[in-house]
Amino acid sequence: MNARHAGPTAPADSADPTGPADPAGPADPTGPAQPASRRDDGRHETPNERSDRNWNDILQELRVALTGTQLIGGFLLAVAFQPRFEELDRYQLGLYLTLVALAGLATVIGLAPVTLHRTLFRRQAKERVVRTGNRLLIAHLVVVAMLVLGVTSLVFDLALSRVAGLVALGVGAVILIGLWFVLPRLHATGGGEDAAVVAAAARDERVAGDEPADRDAS
């Protein structure tokens, strides 16, 4: 056929009937990519959800710590009503009063996050409450550590001798530092990516990516 009788040719830049191409590429059906810090731990949560979870963790740890504080405080109060209390020498009496003060201080610090939360309730300050509660919990553990060491030393001092009390204090300090400070830092240096958690997060992402494709195929 003569080119003159052929229909008009479409211009090279004619519009695609399917619509203009997106210069940014096809949209990801699974939505915008989450930051690595929110993917690696297998959690997909908002800042408020993260604050709520962290606050619940702090409360659980405070319950454990305060239970130990109450047990030690009750023991110290019972000592004052024992017949041998009048036999305490000046060193033992000073150590005992120091431990009673530490028990009271630990109780006050342990309850401070509760009063802080109640004071700032419904003021949109949950993240600040979590940060302050974390610092108070650490301070509480430090006081409890001194309380445990002091009570151990006092018991050995009363039951055996002054030397035994000092030895118990030193041995207890070594054990406490090893379990409360050295051991957590050894685990911290290994990184926080649990292989099982990362694998579960990757599996969830693959499942979420396959769901739109299955719907399109059906």
N, C-alpha and C. Protein backbone atom coordinates (compact mmCIF):
# COMPACT_ATOMS: atom_id res chain seq x y z
N MET A 1 0.86 -1.18 0.00
CA MET A 1 0.00 0.00 0.00
C MET A 1 0.88 1.22 0.00
N ASN A 2 0.41 2.24 -0.73
CA ASN A 2 1.15 3.49 -0.80
C ASN A 2 1.14 4.17 0.53
N ALA A 3 2.28 4.73 0.91
CA ALA A 3 2.40 5.41 2.19
C ALA A 3 1.42 6.56 2.30
N ARG A 4 1.00 7.09 1.06
CA ARG A 4 0.08 8.20 1.09
C ARG A 4 -1.29 7.77 1.56
N HIS A 5 -1.65 6.47 1.30
CA HIS A 5 -2.97 5.98 1.73
C HIS A 5 -2.93 5.37 3.11
N ALA A 6 -1.76 5.21 3.62
CA ALA A 6 -1.69 4.64 4.98
C ALA A 6 -2.15 5.68 5.99
N GLY A 7 -2.68 5.20 7.09
CA GLY A 7 -3.17 6.10 8.13
C GLY A 7 -2.04 6.91 8.72
N PRO A 8 -2.38 8.00 9.36
CA PRO A 8 -1.33 8.83 9.99
C PRO A 8 -0.62 8.04 11.08
N THR A 9 0.68 8.13 11.05
CA THR A 9 1.49 7.43 12.06
C THR A 9 1.44 8.19 13.37
N ALA A 10 1.46 7.39 14.45
CA ALA A 10 1.40 8.00 15.79
C ALA A 10 2.73 8.64 16.10
N PRO A 11 2.72 9.80 16.69
CA PRO A 11 3.98 10.44 17.06
C PRO A 11 4.72 9.60 18.08
N ALA A 12 6.05 9.79 18.11
CA ALA A 12 6.90 8.97 18.99
C ALA A 12 6.58 9.20 20.45
N ASP A 13 6.13 10.40 20.76
CA ASP A 13 5.85 10.69 22.17
C ASP A 13 4.38 10.63 22.51
N SER A 14 3.63 9.78 21.73
CA SER A 14 2.20 9.66 22.02
C SER A 14 1.99 9.08 23.40
N ALA A 15 0.88 9.41 23.99
CA ALA A 15 0.61 9.02 25.38
C ALA A 15 0.37 7.53 25.47
N ASP A 16 0.87 6.92 26.44
CA ASP A 16 0.65 5.50 26.71
C ASP A 16 -0.76 5.33 27.24
N PRO A 17 -1.55 4.44 26.58
CA PRO A 17 -2.94 4.31 27.06
C PRO A 17 -3.02 3.86 28.52
N THR A 18 -1.98 3.26 28.99
CA THR A 18 -2.03 2.82 30.39
C THR A 18 -1.73 3.92 31.36
N GLY A 19 -1.41 5.13 30.85
CA GLY A 19 -1.13 6.24 31.74
C GLY A 19 0.35 6.54 31.78
N PRO A 20 0.71 7.72 32.21
CA PRO A 20 2.13 8.09 32.26
C PRO A 20 2.88 7.25 33.29
N ALA A 21 4.11 6.95 32.94
CA ALA A 21 4.95 6.15 33.83
C ALA A 21 5.38 6.98 35.03
N ASP A 22 5.43 6.35 36.15
CA ASP A 22 5.86 7.03 37.37
C ASP A 22 7.37 7.11 37.36
N PRO A 23 7.94 8.32 37.34
CA PRO A 23 9.40 8.43 37.31
C PRO A 23 10.06 7.81 38.53
N ALA A 24 9.34 7.70 39.61
CA ALA A 24 9.93 7.13 40.82
C ALA A 24 9.90 5.61 40.81
N GLY A 25 9.31 5.00 39.73
CA GLY A 25 9.24 3.56 39.70
C GLY A 25 7.94 3.06 40.29
N PRO A 26 7.67 1.77 40.12
CA PRO A 26 6.42 1.22 40.65
C PRO A 26 6.37 1.31 42.16
N ALA A 27 5.18 1.52 42.63
CA ALA A 27 5.00 1.65 44.09
C ALA A 27 5.15 0.30 44.75
N ASP A 28 5.74 0.30 45.89
CA ASP A 28 5.91 -0.93 46.67
C ASP A 28 4.59 -1.28 47.32
N PRO A 29 4.01 -2.46 46.96
CA PRO A 29 2.69 -2.80 47.53
C PRO A 29 2.72 -2.98 49.03
N THR A 30 3.89 -3.22 49.58
CA THR A 30 3.96 -3.41 51.02
C THR A 30 4.07 -2.12 51.79
N GLY A 31 4.11 -0.98 51.08
CA GLY A 31 4.20 0.30 51.76
C GLY A 31 5.64 0.76 51.87
N PRO A 32 5.86 1.93 52.42
CA PRO A 32 7.22 2.45 52.56
C PRO A 32 8.07 1.56 53.44
N ALA A 33 9.33 1.47 53.09
CA ALA A 33 10.25 0.63 53.85
C ALA A 33 10.44 1.19 55.25
N GLN A 34 10.48 0.30 56.20
CA GLN A 34 10.69 0.72 57.58
C GLN A 34 12.18 0.86 57.84
N PRO A 35 12.57 1.75 58.73
CA PRO A 35 13.98 1.86 59.08
C PRO A 35 14.49 0.55 59.64
N ALA A 36 15.82 0.35 59.49
CA ALA A 36 16.42 -0.90 59.94
C ALA A 36 16.22 -1.13 61.42
N SER A 37 16.23 -0.03 62.19
CA SER A 37 16.09 -0.17 63.64
C SER A 37 14.72 -0.68 64.02
N ARG A 38 13.72 -0.50 63.15
CA ARG A 38 12.38 -0.97 63.47
C ARG A 38 12.11 -2.33 62.85
N ARG A 39 12.97 -2.79 61.89
CA ARG A 39 12.77 -4.09 61.28
C ARG A 39 13.53 -5.18 61.99
N ASP A 40 14.72 -4.87 62.45
CA ASP A 40 15.61 -5.91 62.93
C ASP A 40 15.08 -6.63 64.15
N ASP A 41 14.35 -5.94 65.02
CA ASP A 41 13.88 -6.59 66.23
C ASP A 41 12.52 -7.25 66.05
N GLY A 42 12.00 -7.25 64.83
CA GLY A 42 10.74 -7.93 64.58
C GLY A 42 9.52 -7.18 65.04
N ARG A 43 9.68 -5.92 65.45
CA ARG A 43 8.56 -5.15 65.94
C ARG A 43 8.23 -4.03 64.95
N HIS A 44 6.95 -3.81 64.75
CA HIS A 44 6.47 -2.69 63.94
C HIS A 44 5.54 -1.89 64.86
N GLU A 45 6.10 -0.88 65.53
CA GLU A 45 5.34 -0.16 66.53
C GLU A 45 5.58 1.34 66.40
N THR A 46 4.62 2.09 66.84
CA THR A 46 4.73 3.54 66.85
C THR A 46 5.56 3.98 68.06
N PRO A 47 6.02 5.24 68.07
CA PRO A 47 6.75 5.71 69.26
C PRO A 47 5.97 5.56 70.55
N ASN A 48 4.66 5.81 70.50
CA ASN A 48 3.86 5.64 71.71
C ASN A 48 3.79 4.19 72.16
N GLU A 49 3.67 3.27 71.20
CA GLU A 49 3.65 1.85 71.55
C GLU A 49 4.99 1.43 72.14
N ARG A 50 6.08 1.96 71.59
CA ARG A 50 7.39 1.63 72.14
C ARG A 50 7.55 2.16 73.56
N SER A 51 7.07 3.38 73.80
CA SER A 51 7.13 3.95 75.15
C SER A 51 6.30 3.13 76.13
N ASP A 52 5.11 2.70 75.70
CA ASP A 52 4.28 1.88 76.58
C ASP A 52 4.97 0.56 76.91
N ARG A 53 5.60 -0.05 75.92
CA ARG A 53 6.28 -1.32 76.16
C ARG A 53 7.47 -1.12 77.10
N ASN A 54 8.24 -0.07 76.88
CA ASN A 54 9.39 0.20 77.75
C ASN A 54 8.94 0.50 79.18
N TRP A 55 7.84 1.21 79.31
CA TRP A 55 7.33 1.52 80.65
C TRP A 55 6.87 0.26 81.37
N ASN A 56 6.24 -0.64 80.66
CA ASN A 56 5.82 -1.90 81.27
C ASN A 56 7.04 -2.73 81.70
N ASP A 57 8.11 -2.70 80.90
CA ASP A 57 9.34 -3.40 81.29
C ASP A 57 9.91 -2.81 82.58
N ILE A 58 9.91 -1.49 82.68
CA ILE A 58 10.43 -0.84 83.89
C ILE A 58 9.60 -1.23 85.10
N LEU A 59 8.28 -1.26 84.94
CA LEU A 59 7.41 -1.63 86.07
C LEU A 59 7.66 -3.07 86.52
N GLN A 60 7.85 -3.98 85.57
CA GLN A 60 8.12 -5.36 85.94
C GLN A 60 9.43 -5.48 86.70
N GLU A 61 10.46 -4.77 86.26
CA GLU A 61 11.75 -4.81 86.95
C GLU A 61 11.66 -4.17 88.33
N LEU A 62 10.87 -3.11 88.43
CA LEU A 62 10.70 -2.47 89.74
C LEU A 62 9.99 -3.39 90.72
N ARG A 63 9.04 -4.18 90.25
CA ARG A 63 8.35 -5.11 91.14
C ARG A 63 9.34 -6.11 91.73
N VAL A 64 10.24 -6.63 90.90
CA VAL A 64 11.23 -7.58 91.39
C VAL A 64 12.17 -6.92 92.39
N ALA A 65 12.67 -5.73 92.03
CA ALA A 65 13.62 -5.04 92.91
C ALA A 65 12.98 -4.63 94.22
N LEU A 66 11.75 -4.13 94.18
CA LEU A 66 11.08 -3.71 95.41
C LEU A 66 10.74 -4.88 96.31
N THR A 67 10.47 -6.04 95.73
CA THR A 67 10.23 -7.22 96.56
C THR A 67 11.46 -7.56 97.38
N GLY A 68 12.63 -7.54 96.75
CA GLY A 68 13.87 -7.78 97.49
C GLY A 68 14.12 -6.72 98.54
N THR A 69 13.83 -5.47 98.21
CA THR A 69 14.01 -4.39 99.19
C THR A 69 13.10 -4.57 100.40
N GLN A 70 11.86 -4.98 100.17
CA GLN A 70 10.93 -5.19 101.28
C GLN A 70 11.39 -6.34 102.18
N LEU A 71 11.92 -7.40 101.58
CA LEU A 71 12.40 -8.53 102.39
C LEU A 71 13.57 -8.10 103.27
N ILE A 72 14.51 -7.37 102.68
CA ILE A 72 15.67 -6.93 103.47
C ILE A 72 15.24 -5.93 104.53
N GLY A 73 14.34 -5.01 104.16
CA GLY A 73 13.86 -4.03 105.14
C GLY A 73 13.15 -4.69 106.30
N GLY A 74 12.34 -5.72 106.01
CA GLY A 74 11.66 -6.44 107.09
C GLY A 74 12.65 -7.16 108.00
N PHE A 75 13.70 -7.72 107.41
CA PHE A 75 14.73 -8.37 108.22
C PHE A 75 15.41 -7.37 109.15
N LEU A 76 15.73 -6.20 108.62
CA LEU A 76 16.40 -5.19 109.45
C LEU A 76 15.51 -4.70 110.58
N LEU A 77 14.24 -4.54 110.31
CA LEU A 77 13.33 -4.11 111.38
C LEU A 77 13.19 -5.18 112.46
N ALA A 78 13.23 -6.44 112.05
CA ALA A 78 13.11 -7.52 113.03
C ALA A 78 14.34 -7.62 113.92
N VAL A 79 15.50 -7.24 113.38
CA VAL A 79 16.74 -7.32 114.17
C VAL A 79 16.65 -6.43 115.40
N ALA A 80 16.02 -5.28 115.28
CA ALA A 80 15.96 -4.34 116.40
C ALA A 80 15.20 -4.89 117.59
N PHE A 81 14.38 -5.92 117.39
CA PHE A 81 13.58 -6.47 118.49
C PHE A 81 14.14 -7.80 118.99
N GLN A 82 15.33 -8.15 118.53
CA GLN A 82 15.97 -9.37 119.00
C GLN A 82 16.75 -9.11 120.29
N PRO A 83 16.89 -10.11 121.16
CA PRO A 83 17.62 -9.90 122.42
C PRO A 83 19.07 -9.49 122.21
N ARG A 84 19.70 -9.98 121.13
CA ARG A 84 21.12 -9.68 120.92
C ARG A 84 21.34 -8.28 120.37
N PHE A 85 20.27 -7.55 120.08
CA PHE A 85 20.46 -6.21 119.51
C PHE A 85 21.21 -5.30 120.49
N GLU A 86 20.98 -5.50 121.79
CA GLU A 86 21.66 -4.66 122.78
C GLU A 86 23.15 -4.98 122.90
N GLU A 87 23.58 -6.11 122.31
CA GLU A 87 24.99 -6.49 122.36
C GLU A 87 25.81 -5.92 121.20
N LEU A 88 25.16 -5.20 120.30
CA LEU A 88 25.90 -4.64 119.16
C LEU A 88 26.92 -3.63 119.65
N ASP A 89 28.13 -3.71 119.08
CA ASP A 89 29.13 -2.71 119.40
C ASP A 89 28.92 -1.48 118.53
N ARG A 90 29.82 -0.53 118.65
CA ARG A 90 29.63 0.74 117.96
C ARG A 90 29.67 0.57 116.44
N TYR A 91 30.58 -0.25 115.95
CA TYR A 91 30.67 -0.49 114.50
C TYR A 91 29.41 -1.17 113.99
N GLN A 92 28.96 -2.19 114.65
CA GLN A 92 27.78 -2.93 114.21
C GLN A 92 26.53 -2.06 114.27
N LEU A 93 26.42 -1.24 115.31
CA LEU A 93 25.26 -0.37 115.40
C LEU A 93 25.27 0.68 114.29
N GLY A 94 26.45 1.23 114.02
CA GLY A 94 26.54 2.20 112.93
C GLY A 94 26.21 1.57 111.59
N LEU A 95 26.71 0.34 111.35
CA LEU A 95 26.39 -0.36 110.10
C LEU A 95 24.91 -0.66 110.01
N TYR A 96 24.32 -1.06 111.12
CA TYR A 96 22.89 -1.37 111.11
C TYR A 96 22.05 -0.15 110.78
N LEU A 97 22.33 0.98 111.41
CA LEU A 97 21.57 2.20 111.13
C LEU A 97 21.77 2.67 109.69
N THR A 98 22.99 2.48 109.17
CA THR A 98 23.24 2.83 107.77
C THR A 98 22.39 1.98 106.84
N LEU A 99 22.28 0.70 107.15
CA LEU A 99 21.49 -0.20 106.31
C LEU A 99 20.00 0.13 106.39
N VAL A 100 19.52 0.50 107.56
CA VAL A 100 18.12 0.91 107.68
C VAL A 100 17.84 2.15 106.84
N ALA A 101 18.78 3.09 106.85
CA ALA A 101 18.63 4.29 106.02
C ALA A 101 18.64 3.94 104.54
N LEU A 102 19.53 3.01 104.14
CA LEU A 102 19.59 2.59 102.73
C LEU A 102 18.29 1.88 102.33
N ALA A 103 17.73 1.08 103.23
CA ALA A 103 16.47 0.41 102.91
C ALA A 103 15.35 1.42 102.69
N GLY A 104 15.30 2.44 103.56
CA GLY A 104 14.30 3.49 103.36
C GLY A 104 14.51 4.26 102.07
N LEU A 105 15.78 4.57 101.77
CA LEU A 105 16.08 5.29 100.53
C LEU A 105 15.73 4.47 99.31
N ALA A 106 16.04 3.17 99.34
CA ALA A 106 15.71 2.31 98.21
C ALA A 106 14.21 2.25 97.98
N THR A 107 13.43 2.22 99.05
CA THR A 107 11.98 2.19 98.91
C THR A 107 11.46 3.48 98.28
N VAL A 108 12.00 4.61 98.73
CA VAL A 108 11.56 5.90 98.18
C VAL A 108 11.91 6.00 96.70
N ILE A 109 13.14 5.61 96.34
CA ILE A 109 13.54 5.68 94.93
C ILE A 109 12.72 4.71 94.09
N GLY A 110 12.45 3.53 94.62
CA GLY A 110 11.67 2.56 93.86
C GLY A 110 10.24 2.98 93.61
N LEU A 111 9.68 3.77 94.51
CA LEU A 111 8.30 4.25 94.32
C LEU A 111 8.23 5.56 93.55
N ALA A 112 9.38 6.21 93.35
CA ALA A 112 9.38 7.50 92.65
C ALA A 112 8.83 7.41 91.23
N PRO A 113 9.15 6.37 90.43
CA PRO A 113 8.55 6.31 89.08
C PRO A 113 7.03 6.26 89.11
N VAL A 114 6.46 5.64 90.14
CA VAL A 114 4.99 5.57 90.22
C VAL A 114 4.40 6.97 90.44
N THR A 115 4.99 7.71 91.38
CA THR A 115 4.49 9.07 91.62
C THR A 115 4.74 9.97 90.42
N LEU A 116 5.87 9.74 89.72
CA LEU A 116 6.15 10.54 88.52
C LEU A 116 5.10 10.27 87.45
N HIS A 117 4.77 9.02 87.24
CA HIS A 117 3.76 8.68 86.24
C HIS A 117 2.41 9.25 86.61
N ARG A 118 2.07 9.21 87.88
CA ARG A 118 0.77 9.74 88.30
C ARG A 118 0.72 11.26 88.15
N THR A 119 1.85 11.93 88.40
CA THR A 119 1.87 13.39 88.28
C THR A 119 1.74 13.83 86.83
N LEU A 120 2.40 13.09 85.91
CA LEU A 120 2.39 13.46 84.49
C LEU A 120 1.34 12.68 83.70
N PHE A 121 0.37 12.11 84.37
CA PHE A 121 -0.65 11.31 83.71
C PHE A 121 -1.46 12.18 82.74
N ARG A 122 -1.61 11.70 81.50
CA ARG A 122 -2.38 12.36 80.44
C ARG A 122 -1.80 13.73 80.07
N ARG A 123 -0.52 13.89 80.18
CA ARG A 123 0.12 15.14 79.75
C ARG A 123 1.02 14.93 78.55
N GLN A 124 0.86 13.82 77.85
CA GLN A 124 1.63 13.52 76.64
C GLN A 124 3.14 13.59 76.91
N ALA A 125 3.56 13.01 78.03
CA ALA A 125 4.98 13.04 78.41
C ALA A 125 5.49 11.64 78.70
N LYS A 126 4.97 10.63 78.02
CA LYS A 126 5.32 9.25 78.33
C LYS A 126 6.80 8.97 78.08
N GLU A 127 7.35 9.55 77.01
CA GLU A 127 8.77 9.30 76.72
C GLU A 127 9.66 9.87 77.81
N ARG A 128 9.33 11.05 78.32
CA ARG A 128 10.11 11.62 79.42
C ARG A 128 9.96 10.79 80.69
N VAL A 129 8.75 10.28 80.92
CA VAL A 129 8.54 9.42 82.08
C VAL A 129 9.38 8.16 81.98
N VAL A 130 9.48 7.60 80.78
CA VAL A 130 10.27 6.38 80.59
C VAL A 130 11.75 6.66 80.84
N ARG A 131 12.26 7.76 80.31
CA ARG A 131 13.69 8.08 80.51
C ARG A 131 13.99 8.31 81.98
N THR A 132 13.15 9.09 82.66
CA THR A 132 13.37 9.34 84.08
C THR A 132 13.19 8.07 84.91
N GLY A 133 12.20 7.27 84.57
CA GLY A 133 11.99 6.02 85.28
C GLY A 133 13.16 5.07 85.13
N ASN A 134 13.79 5.06 83.96
CA ASN A 134 14.97 4.22 83.76
C ASN A 134 16.11 4.67 84.66
N ARG A 135 16.32 5.98 84.78
CA ARG A 135 17.39 6.48 85.66
C ARG A 135 17.09 6.15 87.12
N LEU A 136 15.84 6.29 87.52
CA LEU A 136 15.49 5.98 88.90
C LEU A 136 15.65 4.49 89.18
N LEU A 137 15.34 3.65 88.22
CA LEU A 137 15.51 2.22 88.41
C LEU A 137 16.98 1.86 88.58
N ILE A 138 17.86 2.49 87.79
CA ILE A 138 19.29 2.24 87.94
C ILE A 138 19.77 2.70 89.31
N ALA A 139 19.32 3.88 89.75
CA ALA A 139 19.70 4.36 91.07
C ALA A 139 19.20 3.42 92.16
N HIS A 140 18.01 2.90 91.98
CA HIS A 140 17.45 1.96 92.96
C HIS A 140 18.31 0.70 93.05
N LEU A 141 18.76 0.18 91.91
CA LEU A 141 19.59 -1.02 91.91
C LEU A 141 20.94 -0.77 92.59
N VAL A 142 21.49 0.42 92.41
CA VAL A 142 22.75 0.74 93.08
C VAL A 142 22.58 0.73 94.59
N VAL A 143 21.49 1.34 95.08
CA VAL A 143 21.24 1.36 96.52
C VAL A 143 20.98 -0.05 97.04
N VAL A 144 20.23 -0.84 96.27
CA VAL A 144 19.96 -2.22 96.69
C VAL A 144 21.26 -3.03 96.74
N ALA A 145 22.17 -2.78 95.82
CA ALA A 145 23.46 -3.48 95.83
C ALA A 145 24.22 -3.18 97.12
N MET A 146 24.28 -1.91 97.51
CA MET A 146 24.95 -1.57 98.76
C MET A 146 24.22 -2.18 99.96
N LEU A 147 22.90 -2.23 99.89
CA LEU A 147 22.10 -2.79 100.97
C LEU A 147 22.38 -4.29 101.13
N VAL A 148 22.43 -5.02 100.04
CA VAL A 148 22.69 -6.46 100.09
C VAL A 148 24.08 -6.74 100.66
N LEU A 149 25.07 -6.00 100.20
CA LEU A 149 26.43 -6.20 100.69
C LEU A 149 26.52 -5.88 102.19
N GLY A 150 25.89 -4.80 102.60
CA GLY A 150 25.94 -4.42 104.01
C GLY A 150 25.26 -5.43 104.91
N VAL A 151 24.10 -5.94 104.51
CA VAL A 151 23.39 -6.91 105.32
C VAL A 151 24.20 -8.21 105.43
N THR A 152 24.80 -8.64 104.33
CA THR A 152 25.63 -9.84 104.36
C THR A 152 26.80 -9.68 105.33
N SER A 153 27.45 -8.53 105.25
CA SER A 153 28.57 -8.28 106.14
C SER A 153 28.13 -8.23 107.60
N LEU A 154 26.98 -7.62 107.87
CA LEU A 154 26.49 -7.52 109.25
C LEU A 154 26.17 -8.89 109.83
N VAL A 155 25.55 -9.75 109.05
CA VAL A 155 25.19 -11.08 109.54
C VAL A 155 26.45 -11.89 109.87
N PHE A 156 27.43 -11.86 108.97
CA PHE A 156 28.67 -12.60 109.23
C PHE A 156 29.42 -12.00 110.42
N ASP A 157 29.35 -10.68 110.55
CA ASP A 157 30.01 -10.03 111.68
C ASP A 157 29.37 -10.47 113.00
N LEU A 158 28.04 -10.53 113.04
CA LEU A 158 27.34 -10.94 114.26
C LEU A 158 27.52 -12.42 114.56
N ALA A 159 27.48 -13.24 113.51
CA ALA A 159 27.50 -14.69 113.73
C ALA A 159 28.91 -15.21 113.97
N LEU A 160 29.93 -14.62 113.32
CA LEU A 160 31.29 -15.14 113.43
C LEU A 160 32.24 -14.13 114.06
N SER A 161 32.72 -13.20 113.23
CA SER A 161 33.69 -12.24 113.73
C SER A 161 33.76 -11.06 112.78
N ARG A 162 34.52 -10.05 113.17
CA ARG A 162 34.69 -8.86 112.34
C ARG A 162 35.41 -9.21 111.04
N VAL A 163 36.41 -10.08 111.15
CA VAL A 163 37.14 -10.49 109.95
C VAL A 163 36.21 -11.22 108.98
N ALA A 164 35.37 -12.10 109.50
CA ALA A 164 34.43 -12.83 108.64
C ALA A 164 33.46 -11.87 107.96
N GLY A 165 33.04 -10.84 108.67
CA GLY A 165 32.15 -9.86 108.06
C GLY A 165 32.81 -9.10 106.94
N LEU A 166 34.08 -8.73 107.11
CA LEU A 166 34.80 -8.02 106.06
C LEU A 166 35.07 -8.92 104.85
N VAL A 167 35.39 -10.19 105.13
CA VAL A 167 35.61 -11.13 104.03
C VAL A 167 34.32 -11.33 103.25
N ALA A 168 33.22 -11.49 103.97
CA ALA A 168 31.92 -11.64 103.29
C ALA A 168 31.59 -10.41 102.45
N LEU A 169 31.94 -9.24 102.96
CA LEU A 169 31.72 -8.01 102.20
C LEU A 169 32.52 -8.01 100.91
N GLY A 170 33.79 -8.41 100.97
CA GLY A 170 34.62 -8.43 99.78
C GLY A 170 34.17 -9.46 98.77
N VAL A 171 33.87 -10.67 99.25
CA VAL A 171 33.43 -11.73 98.34
C VAL A 171 32.09 -11.36 97.69
N GLY A 172 31.19 -10.83 98.50
CA GLY A 172 29.90 -10.42 97.95
C GLY A 172 30.04 -9.33 96.92
N ALA A 173 30.98 -8.40 97.16
CA ALA A 173 31.19 -7.32 96.19
C ALA A 173 31.69 -7.86 94.86
N VAL A 174 32.60 -8.83 94.91
CA VAL A 174 33.12 -9.43 93.68
C VAL A 174 32.01 -10.14 92.91
N ILE A 175 31.21 -10.93 93.61
CA ILE A 175 30.12 -11.65 92.95
C ILE A 175 29.10 -10.67 92.37
N LEU A 176 28.75 -9.67 93.14
CA LEU A 176 27.75 -8.69 92.67
C LEU A 176 28.24 -7.93 91.45
N ILE A 177 29.48 -7.47 91.48
CA ILE A 177 30.02 -6.74 90.33
C ILE A 177 30.07 -7.64 89.10
N GLY A 178 30.42 -8.91 89.30
CA GLY A 178 30.49 -9.82 88.17
C GLY A 178 29.14 -10.08 87.53
N LEU A 179 28.10 -10.26 88.36
CA LEU A 179 26.78 -10.61 87.83
C LEU A 179 25.97 -9.39 87.41
N TRP A 180 26.13 -8.28 88.10
CA TRP A 180 25.29 -7.10 87.83
C TRP A 180 25.92 -6.13 86.84
N PHE A 181 27.24 -6.14 86.71
CA PHE A 181 27.89 -5.13 85.86
C PHE A 181 28.70 -5.77 84.73
N VAL A 182 29.54 -6.75 85.06
CA VAL A 182 30.41 -7.32 84.03
C VAL A 182 29.62 -8.19 83.05
N LEU A 183 28.78 -9.08 83.57
CA LEU A 183 28.02 -9.99 82.71
C LEU A 183 27.12 -9.25 81.72
N PRO A 184 26.33 -8.25 82.13
CA PRO A 184 25.52 -7.53 81.14
C PRO A 184 26.35 -6.83 80.07
N ARG A 185 27.51 -6.31 80.44
CA ARG A 185 28.34 -5.63 79.45
C ARG A 185 28.99 -6.61 78.48
N LEU A 186 29.27 -7.81 78.93
CA LEU A 186 29.78 -8.82 78.02
C LEU A 186 28.74 -9.19 76.97
N HIS A 187 27.51 -9.29 77.38
CA HIS A 187 26.44 -9.57 76.42
C HIS A 187 26.18 -8.36 75.52
N ALA A 188 26.35 -7.16 76.05
CA ALA A 188 26.10 -5.96 75.24
C ALA A 188 27.11 -5.84 74.11
N THR A 189 28.37 -6.27 74.35
CA THR A 189 29.38 -6.15 73.30
C THR A 189 29.14 -7.10 72.14
N GLY A 190 28.31 -8.13 72.34
CA GLY A 190 28.03 -9.07 71.27
C GLY A 190 26.99 -8.58 70.30
N GLY A 191 26.43 -7.40 70.49
CA GLY A 191 25.41 -6.88 69.59
C GLY A 191 24.04 -7.29 70.05
N GLY A 192 23.03 -6.60 69.53
CA GLY A 192 21.67 -6.87 69.96
C GLY A 192 20.81 -7.57 68.95
N GLU A 193 21.41 -8.15 67.88
CA GLU A 193 20.63 -8.79 66.84
C GLU A 193 20.56 -10.29 67.11
N ASP A 194 19.44 -10.74 67.59
CA ASP A 194 19.20 -12.15 67.78
C ASP A 194 18.87 -12.76 66.43
N ALA A 195 19.61 -13.81 66.06
CA ALA A 195 19.43 -14.39 64.72
C ALA A 195 18.01 -14.89 64.52
N ALA A 196 17.42 -15.47 65.54
CA ALA A 196 16.05 -15.97 65.40
C ALA A 196 15.05 -14.83 65.22
N VAL A 197 15.27 -13.73 65.93
CA VAL A 197 14.36 -12.59 65.80
C VAL A 197 14.49 -11.97 64.41
N VAL A 198 15.73 -11.82 63.92
CA VAL A 198 15.93 -11.25 62.59
C VAL A 198 15.31 -12.13 61.52
N ALA A 199 15.47 -13.45 61.66
CA ALA A 199 14.88 -14.36 60.68
C ALA A 199 13.37 -14.28 60.69
N ALA A 200 12.78 -14.17 61.89
CA ALA A 200 11.33 -14.05 61.97
C ALA A 200 10.84 -12.76 61.34
N ALA A 201 11.58 -11.67 61.53
CA ALA A 201 11.19 -10.40 60.93
C ALA A 201 11.27 -10.48 59.41
N ALA A 202 12.31 -11.11 58.88
CA ALA A 202 12.43 -11.26 57.43
C ALA A 202 11.32 -12.13 56.87
N ARG A 203 10.94 -13.18 57.60
CA ARG A 203 9.85 -14.04 57.16
C ARG A 203 8.53 -13.29 57.14
N ASP A 204 8.30 -12.47 58.13
CA ASP A 204 7.07 -11.66 58.16
C ASP A 204 7.02 -10.70 56.98
N GLU A 205 8.17 -10.12 56.62
CA GLU A 205 8.20 -9.19 55.49
C GLU A 205 7.91 -9.92 54.18
N ARG A 206 8.45 -11.14 54.05
CA ARG A 206 8.16 -11.89 52.82
C ARG A 206 6.69 -12.25 52.72
N VAL A 207 6.10 -12.63 53.84
CA VAL A 207 4.67 -12.96 53.84
C VAL A 207 3.85 -11.72 53.49
N ALA A 208 4.20 -10.58 54.05
CA ALA A 208 3.48 -9.35 53.76
C ALA A 208 3.63 -8.96 52.29
N GLY A 209 4.79 -9.25 51.69
CA GLY A 209 5.00 -8.93 50.28
C GLY A 209 4.28 -9.87 49.35
N ASP A 210 4.05 -11.12 49.77
CA ASP A 210 3.36 -12.09 48.93
C ASP A 210 1.86 -11.91 48.92
N GLU A 211 1.29 -11.30 49.97
CA GLU A 211 -0.15 -11.16 50.05
C GLU A 211 -0.73 -10.33 48.91
N PRO A 212 -0.17 -9.14 48.55
CA PRO A 212 -0.75 -8.39 47.41
C PRO A 212 -0.66 -9.16 46.12
N ALA A 213 0.44 -9.92 45.92
CA ALA A 213 0.58 -10.69 44.68
C ALA A 213 -0.48 -11.78 44.61
N ASP A 214 -0.78 -12.40 45.72
CA ASP A 214 -1.83 -13.43 45.72
C ASP A 214 -3.19 -12.84 45.43
N ARG A 215 -3.45 -11.65 45.94
CA ARG A 215 -4.74 -11.01 45.65
C ARG A 215 -4.85 -10.62 44.19
N ASP A 216 -3.75 -10.16 43.59
CA ASP A 216 -3.78 -9.79 42.17
C ASP A 216 -3.98 -11.03 41.31
N ALA A 217 -3.39 -12.13 41.68
CA ALA A 217 -3.52 -13.34 40.88
C ALA A 217 -4.92 -13.91 40.92
N SER A 218 -5.58 -13.71 42.06
CA SER A 218 -6.96 -14.20 42.17
C SER A 218 -7.93 -13.25 41.49
